[in-house]
């Protein structure tokens, strides 16, 4: 099973900032760092102050974040099977739900030089950011679910494909994230992300194109 995710794996793409990513994601062990700062529960920190764009990410839940599958094994917070399942979920979610951008430059303005790759889906071309790790959060049923993380260079935050921002409980220092940022409603999961343009990035803060005002069938998911 582990052969499906070779180390360092697609979860942990090597780059000039790989060392900083590894350190920052150690907030999963309770270390308070810039990328894992405390923020207002229930909304994405990236859009704080923009009431029209805030997203209800649901109740905050205990979480662990890792830059690679091996890091999850080494931390021993979860079983190896749980680590593998979370990493595979991150890869699958990345295929379906990674933020999409019209051109490379717009994507790199958000994630940094060399951090975006071309993709194609149903004949449409766009760019998406590389995964920088994965987060595993505890669900209401006591189980765990993982999904991928993307590093936004503008605020040094780590976000899921559905806009959940990795944060820390200011009282305990534990890593936490909104449940909907890991496991949103099925209708959100099944809706492809909008392809963002430079204009939409500048006007809305830019992450994902699907989390800020997610209108589906006349309804609205979000704050």
Foldseek 3Di string as FASTA:
>chain_A
DCVVADPVGLLADDDPCSVVLQVCLCLQVLDDDQQAAADDAQWFPLQPPPVLFTFGLAGKFFKHKGQGLVRVVVVPPDDSVLSVQQVVQAVVCCVFQFAWAADDVLQCLFQNPPQKDWDDDPRDITIGGGFRIKMWGADPVRDIHMHTWGAGPVRRYIAGSQRWTWYADPVRSTIITRNCSGPNDPVLSPDGFDHDYSVCCVVRVNRGNDNGWHDDPNDTGGD
